């Protein structure tokens, strides 16, 4: 009986984690639905494993914002072009940011 009870608990935890992941993804999409595209200047780009940590600077509502982001893009794409396009949330322009590509 105890193992059957533990299996149900593990299944409930697993389903709760999936539900939270879906809810969190939808929250990000809702925040960026009415987002604003900005051109950001890449200040620094470092690679750690398969993730590229990029420090960027962009202007929104008259404020200069410095932000540290992580991307799964090739480093030469981001480092060669010093300007990238970002989609940012109007409500929280630091927390909700999506990489759109290189600015030409």
Protein backbone atom coordinates (compact mmCIF):
# COMPACT_ATOMS: atom_id res chain seq x y z
CA UNK A 1 0.00 0.00 0.00
CA UNK A 2 2.75 2.41 0.85
CA UNK A 3 4.36 2.15 -2.57
CA UNK A 4 0.99 2.71 -4.29
CA UNK A 5 0.47 5.84 -2.15
CA UNK A 6 3.98 7.09 -3.04
CA UNK A 7 3.29 6.56 -6.74
CA UNK A 8 0.15 8.68 -6.54
CA UNK A 9 2.04 11.44 -4.75
CA UNK A 10 4.80 11.39 -7.36
CA UNK A 11 2.21 11.50 -10.16
CA UNK A 12 0.48 14.47 -8.51
CA UNK A 13 3.80 16.34 -8.15
CA UNK A 14 4.69 15.60 -11.77
CA UNK A 15 1.32 16.88 -13.04
CA UNK A 16 1.61 19.99 -10.86
CA UNK A 17 5.03 20.75 -12.38
CA UNK A 18 3.65 20.41 -15.91
CA UNK A 19 0.68 22.65 -15.08
CA UNK A 20 3.00 25.30 -13.62
CA UNK A 21 5.24 25.17 -16.72
CA UNK A 22 2.28 25.73 -19.05
CA UNK A 23 0.95 28.55 -16.87
CA UNK A 24 4.38 30.21 -16.72
CA UNK A 25 4.83 30.02 -20.51
CA UNK A 26 1.40 31.56 -21.04
CA UNK A 27 2.25 34.37 -18.61
CA UNK A 28 5.38 35.23 -20.60
CA UNK A 29 3.39 35.22 -23.84
CA UNK A 30 0.69 37.46 -22.33
CA UNK A 31 3.28 39.94 -21.11
CA UNK A 32 4.94 40.12 -24.53
CA UNK A 33 1.68 40.15 -26.54
CA UNK A 34 1.57 43.95 -26.64
CA UNK A 35 5.34 44.35 -26.34
CA UNK A 36 7.56 46.94 -27.95
CA UNK A 37 10.48 46.19 -30.24
CA UNK A 38 13.72 47.96 -29.32
CA UNK A 39 17.22 47.95 -30.75
CA UNK A 40 19.77 46.94 -28.12
CA UNK A 41 23.53 47.38 -28.18
CA UNK A 42 25.54 44.30 -27.20
CA UNK A 43 28.05 45.27 -24.53
CA UNK A 44 29.52 41.84 -23.78
CA UNK A 45 28.96 38.26 -24.95
CA UNK A 46 30.35 35.21 -23.15
CA UNK A 47 29.75 31.51 -23.66
CA UNK A 48 29.16 29.06 -20.82
CA UNK A 49 28.24 25.61 -22.05
CA UNK A 50 25.59 25.90 -24.74
CA UNK A 51 24.24 29.18 -23.39
CA UNK A 52 25.48 32.63 -24.35
CA UNK A 53 25.27 35.29 -21.67
CA UNK A 54 24.84 38.68 -23.28
CA UNK A 55 24.91 42.08 -21.59
CA UNK A 56 22.83 44.58 -23.54
CA UNK A 57 21.84 48.21 -23.27
CA UNK A 58 18.64 49.67 -24.69
CA UNK A 59 16.45 52.71 -24.29
CA UNK A 60 12.78 52.56 -23.32
CA UNK A 61 10.55 55.47 -22.24
CA UNK A 62 13.54 57.76 -22.07
CA UNK A 63 15.46 55.46 -19.71
CA UNK A 64 18.68 53.63 -20.50
CA UNK A 65 18.33 50.01 -19.37
CA UNK A 66 21.27 47.65 -18.86
CA UNK A 67 20.17 44.02 -18.83
CA UNK A 68 21.86 40.61 -18.69
CA UNK A 69 20.21 38.01 -20.94
CA UNK A 70 20.84 34.40 -21.91
CA UNK A 71 20.40 33.13 -25.47
CA UNK A 72 20.79 29.84 -27.29
CA UNK A 73 22.14 31.49 -30.45
CA UNK A 74 25.52 31.28 -32.10
CA UNK A 75 27.98 33.70 -30.49
CA UNK A 76 29.35 35.05 -33.78
CA UNK A 77 25.83 36.06 -34.85
CA UNK A 78 25.41 38.15 -31.73
CA UNK A 79 29.02 39.31 -31.34
CA UNK A 80 29.63 40.25 -34.99
CA UNK A 81 26.64 42.55 -35.12
CA UNK A 82 26.72 44.87 -32.19
CA UNK A 83 23.00 45.64 -32.39
CA UNK A 84 20.15 43.18 -31.86
CA UNK A 85 16.36 43.45 -31.86
CA UNK A 86 14.47 42.66 -28.64
CA UNK A 87 10.78 42.46 -27.82
CA UNK A 88 10.19 43.88 -24.35
CA UNK A 89 7.13 44.13 -22.13
CA UNK A 90 5.63 47.57 -21.59
CA UNK A 91 4.89 46.74 -17.96
CA UNK A 92 8.25 45.20 -17.04
CA UNK A 93 10.91 45.95 -19.69
CA UNK A 94 13.65 44.17 -17.74
CA UNK A 95 11.99 40.89 -16.75
CA UNK A 96 10.12 40.02 -19.95
CA UNK A 97 12.47 40.17 -22.92
CA UNK A 98 12.54 38.05 -26.10
CA UNK A 99 15.35 37.96 -28.65
CA UNK A 100 14.06 38.69 -32.17
CA UNK A 101 17.26 38.68 -34.18
CA UNK A 102 20.13 40.79 -35.42
CA UNK A 103 19.40 44.42 -36.32
CA UNK A 104 20.64 45.44 -39.75
